[in-house]
Amino acid sequence: MVDEFCGIDADGVSTTRFEVREDNIFVDGGEFGECGIIEHIAQSAAARVGYICRRQEREVPLGYIGSVNNLSIVRLPRTGECLQTGIKVLQEVFGVSLIEAVCRAGGEVVAGCRMKIFLEQ
């Protein structure tokens, strides 16, 4: 659930874009549900890891969500809206990353959380 990986800025924040479409499994009644937002954030973090690994000519590892904390859903995005999601790595230790994510639609914050992600070594 990532249409485009936009890159990593000078502060280390990576950005992805994703258009919410009616045929998405997490869309119900024209709204993109909470589980979809969490999955989109996880896939945005995975896109970041994939981008870094490809640049370093390394194999891209599998990753798993370990936990989701401080989830804040301001509102559910609607079909046709484009999510722009920023991922910042707060800490990396022994294949475990703690990330902070902020999802925006039209410049407005719609959701955010912290997530622990485990990478296979």
C-alpha atoms as a PDB file:
ATOM      1  CA  MET A   1       0.000   0.000   0.000  1.00  0.00           C
ATOM      2  CA  VAL A   2       2.643   2.432  -1.186  1.00  0.00           C
ATOM      3  CA  ASP A   3       2.365   3.992  -4.621  1.00  0.00           C
ATOM      4  CA  GLU A   4       5.603   5.966  -4.503  1.00  0.00           C
ATOM      5  CA  PHE A   5       8.730   6.161  -2.366  1.00  0.00           C
ATOM      6  CA  CYS A   6       9.685   9.849  -2.445  1.00  0.00           C
ATOM      7  CA  GLY A   7      13.100   9.616  -0.759  1.00  0.00           C
ATOM      8  CA  ILE A   8      14.850  10.453   2.495  1.00  0.00           C
ATOM      9  CA  ASP A   9      15.451  14.071   3.473  1.00  0.00           C
ATOM     10  CA  ALA A  10      18.452  15.609   5.258  1.00  0.00           C
ATOM     11  CA  ASP A  11      16.799  14.977   8.651  1.00  0.00           C
ATOM     12  CA  GLY A  12      16.479  11.250   7.896  1.00  0.00           C
ATOM     13  CA  VAL A  13      12.709  11.323   7.349  1.00  0.00           C
ATOM     14  CA  SER A  14      11.555   9.134   4.469  1.00  0.00           C
ATOM     15  CA  THR A  15       8.325   9.911   2.654  1.00  0.00           C
ATOM     16  CA  THR A  16       5.851   7.754   0.748  1.00  0.00           C
ATOM     17  CA  ARG A  17       2.635   8.482  -1.122  1.00  0.00           C
ATOM     18  CA  PHE A  18      -0.476   6.326  -1.379  1.00  0.00           C
ATOM     19  CA  GLU A  19      -3.833   7.023  -3.009  1.00  0.00           C
ATOM     20  CA  VAL A  20      -6.792   5.489  -1.181  1.00  0.00           C
ATOM     21  CA  ARG A  21      -8.851   3.587  -3.773  1.00  0.00           C
ATOM     22  CA  GLU A  22     -12.353   2.184  -3.489  1.00  0.00           C
ATOM     23  CA  ASP A  23     -11.190  -1.374  -4.274  1.00  0.00           C
ATOM     24  CA  ASN A  24      -8.703  -1.460  -1.362  1.00  0.00           C
ATOM     25  CA  ILE A  25      -9.431  -4.273   1.111  1.00  0.00           C
ATOM     26  CA  PHE A  26      -9.343  -1.792   4.033  1.00  0.00           C
ATOM     27  CA  VAL A  27     -11.890   0.622   2.531  1.00  0.00           C
ATOM     28  CA  ASP A  28     -15.421   0.431   3.899  1.00  0.00           C
ATOM     29  CA  GLY A  29     -18.110   2.978   3.142  1.00  0.00           C
ATOM     30  CA  GLY A  30     -15.628   5.200   1.347  1.00  0.00           C
ATOM     31  CA  GLU A  31     -13.240   5.391   4.322  1.00  0.00           C
ATOM     32  CA  PHE A  32      -9.796   3.843   4.766  1.00  0.00           C
ATOM     33  CA  GLY A  33      -9.921   1.977   8.098  1.00  0.00           C
ATOM     34  CA  GLU A  34      -7.560   1.929  11.051  1.00  0.00           C
ATOM     35  CA  CYS A  35      -6.030  -1.425  10.084  1.00  0.00           C
ATOM     36  CA  GLY A  36      -5.304  -0.033   6.631  1.00  0.00           C
ATOM     37  CA  ILE A  37      -3.525   2.965   8.110  1.00  0.00           C
ATOM     38  CA  ILE A  38      -1.362   0.683  10.264  1.00  0.00           C
ATOM     39  CA  GLU A  39      -0.555  -1.539   7.264  1.00  0.00           C
ATOM     40  CA  HIS A  40       0.266   1.510   5.137  1.00  0.00           C
ATOM     41  CA  ILE A  41       2.663   2.767   7.830  1.00  0.00           C
ATOM     42  CA  ALA A  42       4.346  -0.661   8.043  1.00  0.00           C
ATOM     43  CA  GLN A  43       4.715  -0.808   4.256  1.00  0.00           C
ATOM     44  CA  SER A  44       6.098   2.745   4.228  1.00  0.00           C
ATOM     45  CA  ALA A  45       8.746   1.633   6.736  1.00  0.00           C
ATOM     46  CA  ALA A  46       9.458  -1.440   4.585  1.00  0.00           C
ATOM     47  CA  ALA A  47       9.879   0.766   1.514  1.00  0.00           C
ATOM     48  CA  ARG A  48      12.471   2.771   3.434  1.00  0.00           C
ATOM     49  CA  VAL A  49      14.438  -0.371   4.346  1.00  0.00           C
ATOM     50  CA  GLY A  50      14.182  -1.657   0.772  1.00  0.00           C
ATOM     51  CA  TYR A  51      15.433   1.638  -0.629  1.00  0.00           C
ATOM     52  CA  ILE A  52      18.436   1.687   1.715  1.00  0.00           C
ATOM     53  CA  CYS A  53      19.315  -1.969   1.079  1.00  0.00           C
ATOM     54  CA  ARG A  54      19.103  -1.583  -2.712  1.00  0.00           C
ATOM     55  CA  ARG A  55      21.370   1.475  -2.583  1.00  0.00           C
ATOM     56  CA  GLN A  56      23.880  -0.568  -0.565  1.00  0.00           C
ATOM     57  CA  GLU A  57      23.441  -3.559  -2.923  1.00  0.00           C
ATOM     58  CA  ARG A  58      22.247  -5.772  -0.053  1.00  0.00           C
ATOM     59  CA  GLU A  59      19.365  -8.211   0.048  1.00  0.00           C
ATOM     60  CA  VAL A  60      16.155  -6.723   1.440  1.00  0.00           C
ATOM     61  CA  PRO A  61      15.200  -8.525   4.700  1.00  0.00           C
ATOM     62  CA  LEU A  62      11.707  -9.521   5.751  1.00  0.00           C
ATOM     63  CA  GLY A  63      10.220  -7.383   8.487  1.00  0.00           C
ATOM     64  CA  TYR A  64       7.472  -7.893  11.047  1.00  0.00           C
ATOM     65  CA  ILE A  65       5.442  -5.494  13.153  1.00  0.00           C
ATOM     66  CA  GLY A  66       6.430  -6.013  16.785  1.00  0.00           C
ATOM     67  CA  SER A  67       4.169  -3.410  18.358  1.00  0.00           C
ATOM     68  CA  VAL A  68       2.163  -0.290  17.651  1.00  0.00           C
ATOM     69  CA  ASN A  69       2.152   2.437  20.307  1.00  0.00           C
ATOM     70  CA  ASN A  70       0.624   5.874  20.698  1.00  0.00           C
ATOM     71  CA  LEU A  71      -1.668   5.341  17.703  1.00  0.00           C
ATOM     72  CA  SER A  72      -3.590   8.519  17.007  1.00  0.00           C
ATOM     73  CA  ILE A  73      -6.292   8.581  14.342  1.00  0.00           C
ATOM     74  CA  VAL A  74      -7.500  12.145  13.828  1.00  0.00           C
ATOM     75  CA  ARG A  75      -9.843  11.066  11.045  1.00  0.00           C
ATOM     76  CA  LEU A  76     -10.171   8.263   8.526  1.00  0.00           C
ATOM     77  CA  PRO A  77      -8.955   9.143   5.019  1.00  0.00           C
ATOM     78  CA  ARG A  78     -11.550   8.948   2.256  1.00  0.00           C
ATOM     79  CA  THR A  79     -11.281   7.297  -1.139  1.00  0.00           C
ATOM     80  CA  GLY A  80      -9.518   9.518  -3.620  1.00  0.00           C
ATOM     81  CA  GLU A  81      -7.338  11.146  -0.982  1.00  0.00           C
ATOM     82  CA  CYS A  82      -3.568  10.814  -1.240  1.00  0.00           C
ATOM     83  CA  LEU A  83      -1.704   9.946   1.950  1.00  0.00           C
ATOM     84  CA  GLN A  84       1.776  11.365   2.375  1.00  0.00           C
ATOM     85  CA  THR A  85       3.520   9.502   5.160  1.00  0.00           C
ATOM     86  CA  GLY A  86       6.759  10.413   6.893  1.00  0.00           C
ATOM     87  CA  ILE A  87       8.833   7.773   8.671  1.00  0.00           C
ATOM     88  CA  LYS A  88      11.589   8.693  11.111  1.00  0.00           C
ATOM     89  CA  VAL A  89      13.776   6.041  12.748  1.00  0.00           C
ATOM     90  CA  LEU A  90      14.103   6.855  16.439  1.00  0.00           C
ATOM     91  CA  GLN A  91      16.255   3.880  17.433  1.00  0.00           C
ATOM     92  CA  GLU A  92      17.831   0.777  15.861  1.00  0.00           C
ATOM     93  CA  VAL A  93      19.209  -2.070  17.975  1.00  0.00           C
ATOM     94  CA  PHE A  94      19.986  -5.662  16.875  1.00  0.00           C
ATOM     95  CA  GLY A  95      17.540  -5.777  13.982  1.00  0.00           C
ATOM     96  CA  VAL A  96      14.771  -3.968  15.868  1.00  0.00           C
ATOM     97  CA  SER A  97      13.764  -0.487  14.741  1.00  0.00           C
ATOM     98  CA  LEU A  98      11.563   1.965  16.586  1.00  0.00           C
ATOM     99  CA  ILE A  99       9.948   4.331  14.095  1.00  0.00           C
ATOM    100  CA  GLU A 100       7.672   7.315  14.342  1.00  0.00           C
ATOM    101  CA  ALA A 101       5.149   7.840  11.558  1.00  0.00           C
ATOM    102  CA  VAL A 102       2.941  10.755  10.577  1.00  0.00           C
ATOM    103  CA  CYS A 103       0.285  10.403   7.845  1.00  0.00           C
ATOM    104  CA  ARG A 104      -1.118  13.476   6.141  1.00  0.00           C
ATOM    105  CA  ALA A 105      -3.875  13.989   3.584  1.00  0.00           C
ATOM    106  CA  GLY A 106      -3.894  17.335   1.825  1.00  0.00           C
ATOM    107  CA  GLY A 107      -1.322  18.627   4.323  1.00  0.00           C
ATOM    108  CA  GLU A 108      -3.597  17.793   7.281  1.00  0.00           C
ATOM    109  CA  VAL A 109      -2.385  15.219   9.840  1.00  0.00           C
ATOM    110  CA  VAL A 110      -4.822  12.295   9.814  1.00  0.00           C
ATOM    111  CA  ALA A 111      -2.866   9.698  11.819  1.00  0.00           C
ATOM    112  CA  GLY A 112       0.394   8.879  13.548  1.00  0.00           C
ATOM    113  CA  CYS A 113       2.046   6.282  15.733  1.00  0.00           C
ATOM    114  CA  ARG A 114       5.236   4.659  16.899  1.00  0.00           C
ATOM    115  CA  MET A 115       5.967   1.162  15.694  1.00  0.00           C
ATOM    116  CA  LYS A 116       8.583  -1.478  16.525  1.00  0.00           C
ATOM    117  CA  ILE A 117       9.687  -3.457  13.501  1.00  0.00           C
ATOM    118  CA  PHE A 118      11.748  -6.649  13.631  1.00  0.00           C
ATOM    119  CA  LEU A 119      13.976  -7.452  10.648  1.00  0.00           C
ATOM    120  CA  GLU A 120      15.122 -10.998   9.897  1.00  0.00           C
ATOM    121  CA  GLN A 121      18.897 -11.241  10.079  1.00  0.00           C
END
